[in-house]
Amino acid sequence: VREASAKGAKLVALPECFNSPYGTQYFK
């Protein structure tokens, strides 16, 4: 995010499930 901001981005988006693996076994 910091890298993107340094390159002039004003709106930055992260992906679905960026802080954990994707799967029903991981959600809880």
mmCIF file of all heavy atoms, coordinates in Angstrom:
data_MODEL
# 
_entry.id   MODEL 
# 
loop_
_atom_site.group_PDB 
_atom_site.id 
_atom_site.type_symbol 
_atom_site.label_atom_id 
_atom_site.label_alt_id 
_atom_site.label_comp_id 
_atom_site.label_asym_id 
_atom_site.label_entity_id 
_atom_site.label_seq_id 
_atom_site.pdbx_PDB_ins_code 
_atom_site.Cartn_x 
_atom_site.Cartn_y 
_atom_site.Cartn_z 
_atom_site.occupancy 
_atom_site.B_iso_or_equiv 
_atom_site.pdbx_formal_charge 
_atom_site.auth_seq_id 
_atom_site.auth_comp_id 
_atom_site.auth_asym_id 
_atom_site.auth_atom_id 
_atom_site.pdbx_PDB_model_num 
ATOM 1   N N   . VAL A 1 1  ? 0.848   -1.199  0.000  1.00 0.00 ? 1  VAL A N   1 
ATOM 2   C CA  . VAL A 1 1  ? 0.000   0.000   0.000  1.00 0.00 ? 1  VAL A CA  1 
ATOM 3   C C   . VAL A 1 1  ? 0.884   1.249   0.000  1.00 0.00 ? 1  VAL A C   1 
ATOM 4   O O   . VAL A 1 1  ? 0.638   2.203   -0.754 1.00 0.00 ? 1  VAL A O   1 
ATOM 5   C CB  . VAL A 1 1  ? -0.947  0.003   1.215  1.00 0.00 ? 1  VAL A CB  1 
ATOM 6   C CG1 . VAL A 1 1  ? -1.629  1.366   1.362  1.00 0.00 ? 1  VAL A CG1 1 
ATOM 7   C CG2 . VAL A 1 1  ? -2.000  -1.092  1.075  1.00 0.00 ? 1  VAL A CG2 1 
ATOM 8   N N   . ARG A 1 2  ? 1.913   1.250   0.817  1.00 0.00 ? 2  ARG A N   1 
ATOM 9   C CA  . ARG A 1 2  ? 2.835   2.397   0.856  1.00 0.00 ? 2  ARG A CA  1 
ATOM 10  C C   . ARG A 1 2  ? 3.519   2.577   -0.496 1.00 0.00 ? 2  ARG A C   1 
ATOM 11  O O   . ARG A 1 2  ? 3.698   3.711   -0.967 1.00 0.00 ? 2  ARG A O   1 
ATOM 12  C CB  . ARG A 1 2  ? 3.864   2.197   1.962  1.00 0.00 ? 2  ARG A CB  1 
ATOM 13  C CG  . ARG A 1 2  ? 3.287   2.220   3.378  1.00 0.00 ? 2  ARG A CG  1 
ATOM 14  C CD  . ARG A 1 2  ? 4.378   2.132   4.429  1.00 0.00 ? 2  ARG A CD  1 
ATOM 15  N NE  . ARG A 1 2  ? 3.808   2.112   5.775  1.00 0.00 ? 2  ARG A NE  1 
ATOM 16  C CZ  . ARG A 1 2  ? 3.588   1.005   6.482  1.00 0.00 ? 2  ARG A CZ  1 
ATOM 17  N NH1 . ARG A 1 2  ? 3.911   -0.193  5.962  1.00 0.00 ? 2  ARG A NH1 1 
ATOM 18  N NH2 . ARG A 1 2  ? 3.057   1.065   7.688  1.00 0.00 ? 2  ARG A NH2 1 
ATOM 19  N N   . GLU A 1 3  ? 3.906   1.479   -1.118 1.00 0.00 ? 3  GLU A N   1 
ATOM 20  C CA  . GLU A 1 3  ? 4.543   1.537   -2.433 1.00 0.00 ? 3  GLU A CA  1 
ATOM 21  C C   . GLU A 1 3  ? 3.595   2.139   -3.470 1.00 0.00 ? 3  GLU A C   1 
ATOM 22  O O   . GLU A 1 3  ? 4.000   2.988   -4.282 1.00 0.00 ? 3  GLU A O   1 
ATOM 23  C CB  . GLU A 1 3  ? 4.960   0.131   -2.863 1.00 0.00 ? 3  GLU A CB  1 
ATOM 24  C CG  . GLU A 1 3  ? 5.547   0.042   -4.262 1.00 0.00 ? 3  GLU A CG  1 
ATOM 25  C CD  . GLU A 1 3  ? 5.805   -1.389  -4.676 1.00 0.00 ? 3  GLU A CD  1 
ATOM 26  O OE1 . GLU A 1 3  ? 6.414   -2.139  -3.888 1.00 0.00 ? 3  GLU A OE1 1 
ATOM 27  O OE2 . GLU A 1 3  ? 5.390   -1.775  -5.798 1.00 0.00 ? 3  GLU A OE2 1 
ATOM 28  N N   . ALA A 1 4  ? 2.341   1.727   -3.431 1.00 0.00 ? 4  ALA A N   1 
ATOM 29  C CA  . ALA A 1 4  ? 1.358   2.240   -4.379 1.00 0.00 ? 4  ALA A CA  1 
ATOM 30  C C   . ALA A 1 4  ? 1.122   3.730   -4.168 1.00 0.00 ? 4  ALA A C   1 
ATOM 31  O O   . ALA A 1 4  ? 1.013   4.506   -5.126 1.00 0.00 ? 4  ALA A O   1 
ATOM 32  C CB  . ALA A 1 4  ? 0.045   1.471   -4.234 1.00 0.00 ? 4  ALA A CB  1 
ATOM 33  N N   . SER A 1 5  ? 1.058   4.147   -2.922 1.00 0.00 ? 5  SER A N   1 
ATOM 34  C CA  . SER A 1 5  ? 0.870   5.562   -2.613 1.00 0.00 ? 5  SER A CA  1 
ATOM 35  C C   . SER A 1 5  ? 2.046   6.391   -3.120 1.00 0.00 ? 5  SER A C   1 
ATOM 36  O O   . SER A 1 5  ? 1.864   7.476   -3.685 1.00 0.00 ? 5  SER A O   1 
ATOM 37  C CB  . SER A 1 5  ? 0.711   5.749   -1.105 1.00 0.00 ? 5  SER A CB  1 
ATOM 38  O OG  . SER A 1 5  ? 0.699   7.118   -0.759 1.00 0.00 ? 5  SER A OG  1 
ATOM 39  N N   . ALA A 1 6  ? 3.254   5.864   -2.941 1.00 0.00 ? 6  ALA A N   1 
ATOM 40  C CA  . ALA A 1 6  ? 4.448   6.575   -3.403 1.00 0.00 ? 6  ALA A CA  1 
ATOM 41  C C   . ALA A 1 6  ? 4.458   6.751   -4.912 1.00 0.00 ? 6  ALA A C   1 
ATOM 42  O O   . ALA A 1 6  ? 5.095   7.673   -5.437 1.00 0.00 ? 6  ALA A O   1 
ATOM 43  C CB  . ALA A 1 6  ? 5.702   5.830   -2.951 1.00 0.00 ? 6  ALA A CB  1 
ATOM 44  N N   . LYS A 1 7  ? 3.737   5.883   -5.630 1.00 0.00 ? 7  LYS A N   1 
ATOM 45  C CA  . LYS A 1 7  ? 3.663   5.972   -7.089 1.00 0.00 ? 7  LYS A CA  1 
ATOM 46  C C   . LYS A 1 7  ? 2.428   6.726   -7.565 1.00 0.00 ? 7  LYS A C   1 
ATOM 47  O O   . LYS A 1 7  ? 2.049   6.652   -8.727 1.00 0.00 ? 7  LYS A O   1 
ATOM 48  C CB  . LYS A 1 7  ? 3.703   4.570   -7.687 1.00 0.00 ? 7  LYS A CB  1 
ATOM 49  C CG  . LYS A 1 7  ? 5.059   3.887   -7.489 1.00 0.00 ? 7  LYS A CG  1 
ATOM 50  C CD  . LYS A 1 7  ? 5.133   2.542   -8.196 1.00 0.00 ? 7  LYS A CD  1 
ATOM 51  C CE  . LYS A 1 7  ? 6.511   1.912   -8.036 1.00 0.00 ? 7  LYS A CE  1 
ATOM 52  N NZ  . LYS A 1 7  ? 6.608   0.602   -8.733 1.00 0.00 ? 7  LYS A NZ  1 
ATOM 53  N N   . GLY A 1 8  ? 1.778   7.429   -6.638 1.00 0.00 ? 8  GLY A N   1 
ATOM 54  C CA  . GLY A 1 8  ? 0.713   8.342   -7.023 1.00 0.00 ? 8  GLY A CA  1 
ATOM 55  C C   . GLY A 1 8  ? -0.700  7.822   -6.931 1.00 0.00 ? 8  GLY A C   1 
ATOM 56  O O   . GLY A 1 8  ? -1.639  8.524   -7.327 1.00 0.00 ? 8  GLY A O   1 
ATOM 57  N N   . ALA A 1 9  ? -0.894  6.618   -6.422 1.00 0.00 ? 9  ALA A N   1 
ATOM 58  C CA  . ALA A 1 9  ? -2.248  6.082   -6.310 1.00 0.00 ? 9  ALA A CA  1 
ATOM 59  C C   . ALA A 1 9  ? -3.029  6.816   -5.230 1.00 0.00 ? 9  ALA A C   1 
ATOM 60  O O   . ALA A 1 9  ? -2.529  7.027   -4.126 1.00 0.00 ? 9  ALA A O   1 
ATOM 61  C CB  . ALA A 1 9  ? -2.204  4.591   -6.000 1.00 0.00 ? 9  ALA A CB  1 
ATOM 62  N N   . LYS A 1 10 ? -4.254  7.203   -5.547 1.00 0.00 ? 10 LYS A N   1 
ATOM 63  C CA  . LYS A 1 10 ? -5.131  7.876   -4.591 1.00 0.00 ? 10 LYS A CA  1 
ATOM 64  C C   . LYS A 1 10 ? -6.177  6.933   -4.008 1.00 0.00 ? 10 LYS A C   1 
ATOM 65  O O   . LYS A 1 10 ? -6.747  7.193   -2.955 1.00 0.00 ? 10 LYS A O   1 
ATOM 66  C CB  . LYS A 1 10 ? -5.838  9.053   -5.272 1.00 0.00 ? 10 LYS A CB  1 
ATOM 67  C CG  . LYS A 1 10 ? -4.884  10.094  -5.828 1.00 0.00 ? 10 LYS A CG  1 
ATOM 68  C CD  . LYS A 1 10 ? -4.021  10.714  -4.738 1.00 0.00 ? 10 LYS A CD  1 
ATOM 69  C CE  . LYS A 1 10 ? -3.138  11.831  -5.292 1.00 0.00 ? 10 LYS A CE  1 
ATOM 70  N NZ  . LYS A 1 10 ? -2.234  12.384  -4.251 1.00 0.00 ? 10 LYS A NZ  1 
ATOM 71  N N   . LEU A 1 11 ? -6.451  5.856   -4.738 1.00 0.00 ? 11 LEU A N   1 
ATOM 72  C CA  . LEU A 1 11 ? -7.399  4.829   -4.304 1.00 0.00 ? 11 LEU A CA  1 
ATOM 73  C C   . LEU A 1 11 ? -6.700  3.486   -4.469 1.00 0.00 ? 11 LEU A C   1 
ATOM 74  O O   . LEU A 1 11 ? -6.246  3.148   -5.571 1.00 0.00 ? 11 LEU A O   1 
ATOM 75  C CB  . LEU A 1 11 ? -8.664  4.896   -5.159 1.00 0.00 ? 11 LEU A CB  1 
ATOM 76  C CG  . LEU A 1 11 ? -9.807  3.931   -4.833 1.00 0.00 ? 11 LEU A CG  1 
ATOM 77  C CD1 . LEU A 1 11 ? -10.314 4.144   -3.420 1.00 0.00 ? 11 LEU A CD1 1 
ATOM 78  C CD2 . LEU A 1 11 ? -10.951 4.114   -5.819 1.00 0.00 ? 11 LEU A CD2 1 
ATOM 79  N N   . VAL A 1 12 ? -6.572  2.734   -3.381 1.00 0.00 ? 12 VAL A N   1 
ATOM 80  C CA  . VAL A 1 12 ? -5.824  1.477   -3.379 1.00 0.00 ? 12 VAL A CA  1 
ATOM 81  C C   . VAL A 1 12 ? -6.739  0.373   -2.874 1.00 0.00 ? 12 VAL A C   1 
ATOM 82  O O   . VAL A 1 12 ? -7.462  0.561   -1.885 1.00 0.00 ? 12 VAL A O   1 
ATOM 83  C CB  . VAL A 1 12 ? -4.570  1.578   -2.485 1.00 0.00 ? 12 VAL A CB  1 
ATOM 84  C CG1 . VAL A 1 12 ? -3.798  0.264   -2.493 1.00 0.00 ? 12 VAL A CG1 1 
ATOM 85  C CG2 . VAL A 1 12 ? -3.671  2.720   -2.947 1.00 0.00 ? 12 VAL A CG2 1 
ATOM 86  N N   . ALA A 1 13 ? -6.713  -0.778  -3.542 1.00 0.00 ? 13 ALA A N   1 
ATOM 87  C CA  . ALA A 1 13 ? -7.587  -1.885  -3.160 1.00 0.00 ? 13 ALA A CA  1 
ATOM 88  C C   . ALA A 1 13 ? -6.780  -3.154  -2.918 1.00 0.00 ? 13 ALA A C   1 
ATOM 89  O O   . ALA A 1 13 ? -5.863  -3.481  -3.685 1.00 0.00 ? 13 ALA A O   1 
ATOM 90  C CB  . ALA A 1 13 ? -8.634  -2.144  -4.235 1.00 0.00 ? 13 ALA A CB  1 
ATOM 91  N N   . LEU A 1 14 ? -7.130  -3.867  -1.868 1.00 0.00 ? 14 LEU A N   1 
ATOM 92  C CA  . LEU A 1 14 ? -6.567  -5.170  -1.538 1.00 0.00 ? 14 LEU A CA  1 
ATOM 93  C C   . LEU A 1 14 ? -7.548  -6.260  -1.945 1.00 0.00 ? 14 LEU A C   1 
ATOM 94  O O   . LEU A 1 14 ? -8.745  -6.006  -2.088 1.00 0.00 ? 14 LEU A O   1 
ATOM 95  C CB  . LEU A 1 14 ? -6.281  -5.254  -0.032 1.00 0.00 ? 14 LEU A CB  1 
ATOM 96  C CG  . LEU A 1 14 ? -5.126  -4.378  0.472  1.00 0.00 ? 14 LEU A CG  1 
ATOM 97  C CD1 . LEU A 1 14 ? -5.219  -4.195  1.981  1.00 0.00 ? 14 LEU A CD1 1 
ATOM 98  C CD2 . LEU A 1 14 ? -3.782  -4.995  0.100  1.00 0.00 ? 14 LEU A CD2 1 
ATOM 99  N N   . PRO A 1 15 ? -7.065  -7.492  -2.114 1.00 0.00 ? 15 PRO A N   1 
ATOM 100 C CA  . PRO A 1 15 ? -7.945  -8.558  -2.619 1.00 0.00 ? 15 PRO A CA  1 
ATOM 101 C C   . PRO A 1 15 ? -8.869  -9.132  -1.561 1.00 0.00 ? 15 PRO A C   1 
ATOM 102 O O   . PRO A 1 15 ? -8.710  -8.898  -0.361 1.00 0.00 ? 15 PRO A O   1 
ATOM 103 C CB  . PRO A 1 15 ? -6.950  -9.622  -3.079 1.00 0.00 ? 15 PRO A CB  1 
ATOM 104 C CG  . PRO A 1 15 ? -5.771  -9.428  -2.194 1.00 0.00 ? 15 PRO A CG  1 
ATOM 105 C CD  . PRO A 1 15 ? -5.669  -7.941  -1.974 1.00 0.00 ? 15 PRO A CD  1 
ATOM 106 N N   . GLU A 1 16 ? -9.842  -9.903  -2.034 1.00 0.00 ? 16 GLU A N   1 
ATOM 107 C CA  . GLU A 1 16 ? -10.658 -10.707 -1.131 1.00 0.00 ? 16 GLU A CA  1 
ATOM 108 C C   . GLU A 1 16 ? -9.742  -11.638 -0.358 1.00 0.00 ? 16 GLU A C   1 
ATOM 109 O O   . GLU A 1 16 ? -8.807  -12.217 -0.904 1.00 0.00 ? 16 GLU A O   1 
ATOM 110 C CB  . GLU A 1 16 ? -11.684 -11.525 -1.917 1.00 0.00 ? 16 GLU A CB  1 
ATOM 111 C CG  . GLU A 1 16 ? -12.593 -12.361 -1.016 1.00 0.00 ? 16 GLU A CG  1 
ATOM 112 C CD  . GLU A 1 16 ? -13.592 -13.204 -1.793 1.00 0.00 ? 16 GLU A CD  1 
ATOM 113 O OE1 . GLU A 1 16 ? -13.318 -13.560 -2.942 1.00 0.00 ? 16 GLU A OE1 1 
ATOM 114 O OE2 . GLU A 1 16 ? -14.639 -13.519 -1.222 1.00 0.00 ? 16 GLU A OE2 1 
ATOM 115 N N   . CYS A 1 17 ? -10.014 -11.756 0.937  1.00 0.00 ? 17 CYS A N   1 
ATOM 116 C CA  . CYS A 1 17 ? -9.287  -12.705 1.785  1.00 0.00 ? 17 CYS A CA  1 
ATOM 117 C C   . CYS A 1 17 ? -7.784  -12.412 1.790  1.00 0.00 ? 17 CYS A C   1 
ATOM 118 O O   . CYS A 1 17 ? -6.972  -13.297 1.552  1.00 0.00 ? 17 CYS A O   1 
ATOM 119 C CB  . CYS A 1 17 ? -9.544  -14.129 1.294  1.00 0.00 ? 17 CYS A CB  1 
ATOM 120 S SG  . CYS A 1 17 ? -9.552  -15.346 2.617  1.00 0.00 ? 17 CYS A SG  1 
ATOM 121 N N   . PHE A 1 18 ? -7.413  -11.154 2.060  1.00 0.00 ? 18 PHE A N   1 
ATOM 122 C CA  . PHE A 1 18 ? -6.001  -10.803 1.990  1.00 0.00 ? 18 PHE A CA  1 
ATOM 123 C C   . PHE A 1 18 ? -5.235  -11.165 3.247  1.00 0.00 ? 18 PHE A C   1 
ATOM 124 O O   . PHE A 1 18 ? -4.007  -11.265 3.222  1.00 0.00 ? 18 PHE A O   1 
ATOM 125 C CB  . PHE A 1 18 ? -5.819  -9.308  1.674  1.00 0.00 ? 18 PHE A CB  1 
ATOM 126 C CG  . PHE A 1 18 ? -5.825  -8.409  2.885  1.00 0.00 ? 18 PHE A CG  1 
ATOM 127 C CD1 . PHE A 1 18 ? -4.664  -8.188  3.608  1.00 0.00 ? 18 PHE A CD1 1 
ATOM 128 C CD2 . PHE A 1 18 ? -6.987  -7.781  3.301  1.00 0.00 ? 18 PHE A CD2 1 
ATOM 129 C CE1 . PHE A 1 18 ? -4.660  -7.358  4.729  1.00 0.00 ? 18 PHE A CE1 1 
ATOM 130 C CE2 . PHE A 1 18 ? -6.995  -6.962  4.413  1.00 0.00 ? 18 PHE A CE2 1 
ATOM 131 C CZ  . PHE A 1 18 ? -5.827  -6.754  5.129  1.00 0.00 ? 18 PHE A CZ  1 
ATOM 132 N N   . ASN A 1 19 ? -5.922  -11.353 4.385  1.00 0.00 ? 19 ASN A N   1 
ATOM 133 C CA  . ASN A 1 19 ? -5.174  -11.609 5.618  1.00 0.00 ? 19 ASN A CA  1 
ATOM 134 C C   . ASN A 1 19 ? -5.243  -13.068 6.066  1.00 0.00 ? 19 ASN A C   1 
ATOM 135 O O   . ASN A 1 19 ? -4.704  -13.427 7.104  1.00 0.00 ? 19 ASN A O   1 
ATOM 136 C CB  . ASN A 1 19 ? -5.670  -10.695 6.742  1.00 0.00 ? 19 ASN A CB  1 
ATOM 137 C CG  . ASN A 1 19 ? -6.970  -11.161 7.384  1.00 0.00 ? 19 ASN A CG  1 
ATOM 138 O OD1 . ASN A 1 19 ? -7.743  -11.876 6.757  1.00 0.00 ? 19 ASN A OD1 1 
ATOM 139 N ND2 . ASN A 1 19 ? -7.200  -10.757 8.611  1.00 0.00 ? 19 ASN A ND2 1 
ATOM 140 N N   . SER A 1 20 ? -5.901  -13.915 5.268  1.00 0.00 ? 20 SER A N   1 
ATOM 141 C CA  . SER A 1 20 ? -6.009  -15.328 5.629  1.00 0.00 ? 20 SER A CA  1 
ATOM 142 C C   . SER A 1 20 ? -6.205  -16.166 4.376  1.00 0.00 ? 20 SER A C   1 
ATOM 143 O O   . SER A 1 20 ? -6.656  -15.652 3.348  1.00 0.00 ? 20 SER A O   1 
ATOM 144 C CB  . SER A 1 20 ? -7.199  -15.552 6.572  1.00 0.00 ? 20 SER A CB  1 
ATOM 145 O OG  . SER A 1 20 ? -8.424  -15.434 5.874  1.00 0.00 ? 20 SER A OG  1 
ATOM 146 N N   . PRO A 1 21 ? -5.887  -17.446 4.446  1.00 0.00 ? 21 PRO A N   1 
ATOM 147 C CA  . PRO A 1 21 ? -6.219  -18.325 3.310  1.00 0.00 ? 21 PRO A CA  1 
ATOM 148 C C   . PRO A 1 21 ? -7.727  -18.338 3.095  1.00 0.00 ? 21 PRO A C   1 
ATOM 149 O O   . PRO A 1 21 ? -8.508  -18.099 4.023  1.00 0.00 ? 21 PRO A O   1 
ATOM 150 C CB  . PRO A 1 21 ? -5.708  -19.699 3.768  1.00 0.00 ? 21 PRO A CB  1 
ATOM 151 C CG  . PRO A 1 21 ? -4.738  -19.421 4.866  1.00 0.00 ? 21 PRO A CG  1 
ATOM 152 C CD  . PRO A 1 21 ? -5.228  -18.180 5.541  1.00 0.00 ? 21 PRO A CD  1 
ATOM 153 N N   . TYR A 1 22 ? -8.152  -18.618 1.858  1.00 0.00 ? 22 TYR A N   1 
ATOM 154 C CA  . TYR A 1 22 ? -9.572  -18.669 1.545  1.00 0.00 ? 22 TYR A CA  1 
ATOM 155 C C   . TYR A 1 22 ? -10.063 -20.103 1.681  1.00 0.00 ? 22 TYR A C   1 
ATOM 156 O O   . TYR A 1 22 ? -9.511  -21.027 1.081  1.00 0.00 ? 22 TYR A O   1 
ATOM 157 C CB  . TYR A 1 22 ? -9.815  -18.165 0.119  1.00 0.00 ? 22 TYR A CB  1 
ATOM 158 C CG  . TYR A 1 22 ? -11.276 -18.129 -0.258 1.00 0.00 ? 22 TYR A CG  1 
ATOM 159 C CD1 . TYR A 1 22 ? -12.101 -17.123 0.229  1.00 0.00 ? 22 TYR A CD1 1 
ATOM 160 C CD2 . TYR A 1 22 ? -11.833 -19.098 -1.084 1.00 0.00 ? 22 TYR A CD2 1 
ATOM 161 C CE1 . TYR A 1 22 ? -13.441 -17.078 -0.109 1.00 0.00 ? 22 TYR A CE1 1 
ATOM 162 C CE2 . TYR A 1 22 ? -13.176 -19.064 -1.425 1.00 0.00 ? 22 TYR A CE2 1 
ATOM 163 C CZ  . TYR A 1 22 ? -13.970 -18.050 -0.932 1.00 0.00 ? 22 TYR A CZ  1 
ATOM 164 O OH  . TYR A 1 22 ? -15.304 -18.023 -1.255 1.00 0.00 ? 22 TYR A OH  1 
ATOM 165 N N   . GLY A 1 23 ? -11.114 -20.281 2.469  1.00 0.00 ? 23 GLY A N   1 
ATOM 166 C CA  . GLY A 1 23 ? -11.694 -21.607 2.661  1.00 0.00 ? 23 GLY A CA  1 
ATOM 167 C C   . GLY A 1 23 ? -12.570 -21.619 3.886  1.00 0.00 ? 23 GLY A C   1 
ATOM 168 O O   . GLY A 1 23 ? -12.285 -20.932 4.878  1.00 0.00 ? 23 GLY A O   1 
ATOM 169 N N   . THR A 1 24 ? -13.647 -22.393 3.831  1.00 0.00 ? 24 THR A N   1 
ATOM 170 C CA  . THR A 1 24 ? -14.580 -22.416 4.962  1.00 0.00 ? 24 THR A CA  1 
ATOM 171 C C   . THR A 1 24 ? -13.909 -22.883 6.246  1.00 0.00 ? 24 THR A C   1 
ATOM 172 O O   . THR A 1 24 ? -14.313 -22.506 7.339  1.00 0.00 ? 24 THR A O   1 
ATOM 173 C CB  . THR A 1 24 ? -15.783 -23.324 4.650  1.00 0.00 ? 24 THR A CB  1 
ATOM 174 O OG1 . THR A 1 24 ? -15.298 -24.626 4.267  1.00 0.00 ? 24 THR A OG1 1 
ATOM 175 C CG2 . THR A 1 24 ? -16.616 -22.759 3.501  1.00 0.00 ? 24 THR A CG2 1 
ATOM 176 N N   . GLN A 1 25 ? -12.851 -23.698 6.119  1.00 0.00 ? 25 GLN A N   1 
ATOM 177 C CA  . GLN A 1 25 ? -12.160 -24.198 7.299  1.00 0.00 ? 25 GLN A CA  1 
ATOM 178 C C   . GLN A 1 25 ? -11.323 -23.125 7.988  1.00 0.00 ? 25 GLN A C   1 
ATOM 179 O O   . GLN A 1 25 ? -10.881 -23.310 9.135  1.00 0.00 ? 25 GLN A O   1 
ATOM 180 C CB  . GLN A 1 25 ? -11.272 -25.400 6.930  1.00 0.00 ? 25 GLN A CB  1 
ATOM 181 C CG  . GLN A 1 25 ? -10.039 -25.088 6.079  1.00 0.00 ? 25 GLN A CG  1 
ATOM 182 C CD  . GLN A 1 25 ? -10.309 -25.122 4.586  1.00 0.00 ? 25 GLN A CD  1 
ATOM 183 O OE1 . GLN A 1 25 ? -11.404 -24.783 4.138  1.00 0.00 ? 25 GLN A OE1 1 
ATOM 184 N NE2 . GLN A 1 25 ? -9.323  -25.553 3.815  1.00 0.00 ? 25 GLN A NE2 1 
ATOM 185 N N   . TYR A 1 26 ? -11.089 -22.005 7.306  1.00 0.00 ? 26 TYR A N   1 
ATOM 186 C CA  . TYR A 1 26 ? -10.251 -20.944 7.878  1.00 0.00 ? 26 TYR A CA  1 
ATOM 187 C C   . TYR A 1 26 ? -11.048 -19.788 8.470  1.00 0.00 ? 26 TYR A C   1 
ATOM 188 O O   . TYR A 1 26 ? -10.511 -19.022 9.284  1.00 0.00 ? 26 TYR A O   1 
ATOM 189 C CB  . TYR A 1 26 ? -9.323  -20.361 6.793  1.00 0.00 ? 26 TYR A CB  1 
ATOM 190 C CG  . TYR A 1 26 ? -8.385  -21.363 6.178  1.00 0.00 ? 26 TYR A CG  1 
ATOM 191 C CD1 . TYR A 1 26 ? -8.539  -21.754 4.852  1.00 0.00 ? 26 TYR A CD1 1 
ATOM 192 C CD2 . TYR A 1 26 ? -7.344  -21.933 6.911  1.00 0.00 ? 26 TYR A CD2 1 
ATOM 193 C CE1 . TYR A 1 26 ? -7.683  -22.670 4.262  1.00 0.00 ? 26 TYR A CE1 1 
ATOM 194 C CE2 . TYR A 1 26 ? -6.481  -22.847 6.334  1.00 0.00 ? 26 TYR A CE2 1 
ATOM 195 C CZ  . TYR A 1 26 ? -6.655  -23.215 5.009  1.00 0.00 ? 26 TYR A CZ  1 
ATOM 196 O OH  . TYR A 1 26 ? -5.814  -24.123 4.434  1.00 0.00 ? 26 TYR A OH  1 
ATOM 197 N N   . PHE A 1 27 ? -12.304 -19.627 8.068  1.00 0.00 ? 27 PHE A N   1 
ATOM 198 C CA  . PHE A 1 27 ? -13.041 -18.412 8.402  1.00 0.00 ? 27 PHE A CA  1 
ATOM 199 C C   . PHE A 1 27 ? -13.154 -18.174 9.909  1.00 0.00 ? 27 PHE A C   1 
ATOM 200 O O   . PHE A 1 27 ? -12.908 -17.070 10.394 1.00 0.00 ? 27 PHE A O   1 
ATOM 201 C CB  . PHE A 1 27 ? -14.437 -18.438 7.769  1.00 0.00 ? 27 PHE A CB  1 
ATOM 202 C CG  . PHE A 1 27 ? -14.422 -18.408 6.264  1.00 0.00 ? 27 PHE A CG  1 
ATOM 203 C CD1 . PHE A 1 27 ? -15.464 -18.970 5.536  1.00 0.00 ? 27 PHE A CD1 1 
ATOM 204 C CD2 . PHE A 1 27 ? -13.379 -17.823 5.567  1.00 0.00 ? 27 PHE A CD2 1 
ATOM 205 C CE1 . PHE A 1 27 ? -15.470 -18.941 4.150  1.00 0.00 ? 27 PHE A CE1 1 
ATOM 206 C CE2 . PHE A 1 27 ? -13.367 -17.791 4.172  1.00 0.00 ? 27 PHE A CE2 1 
ATOM 207 C CZ  . PHE A 1 27 ? -14.415 -18.354 3.465  1.00 0.00 ? 27 PHE A CZ  1 
ATOM 208 N N   . LYS A 1 28 ? -13.514 -19.197 10.663 1.00 0.00 ? 28 LYS A N   1 
ATOM 209 C CA  . LYS A 1 28 ? -13.690 -19.014 12.103 1.00 0.00 ? 28 LYS A CA  1 
ATOM 210 C C   . LYS A 1 28 ? -12.359 -18.740 12.786 1.00 0.00 ? 28 LYS A C   1 
ATOM 211 O O   . LYS A 1 28 ? -12.250 -17.871 13.661 1.00 0.00 ? 28 LYS A O   1 
ATOM 212 C CB  . LYS A 1 28 ? -14.360 -20.244 12.712 1.00 0.00 ? 28 LYS A CB  1 
ATOM 213 C CG  . LYS A 1 28 ? -14.722 -20.072 14.180 1.00 0.00 ? 28 LYS A CG  1 
ATOM 214 C CD  . LYS A 1 28 ? -15.506 -21.265 14.721 1.00 0.00 ? 28 LYS A CD  1 
ATOM 215 C CE  . LYS A 1 28 ? -15.907 -21.041 16.172 1.00 0.00 ? 28 LYS A CE  1 
ATOM 216 N NZ  . LYS A 1 28 ? -16.692 -22.202 16.701 1.00 0.00 ? 28 LYS A NZ  1 
# 
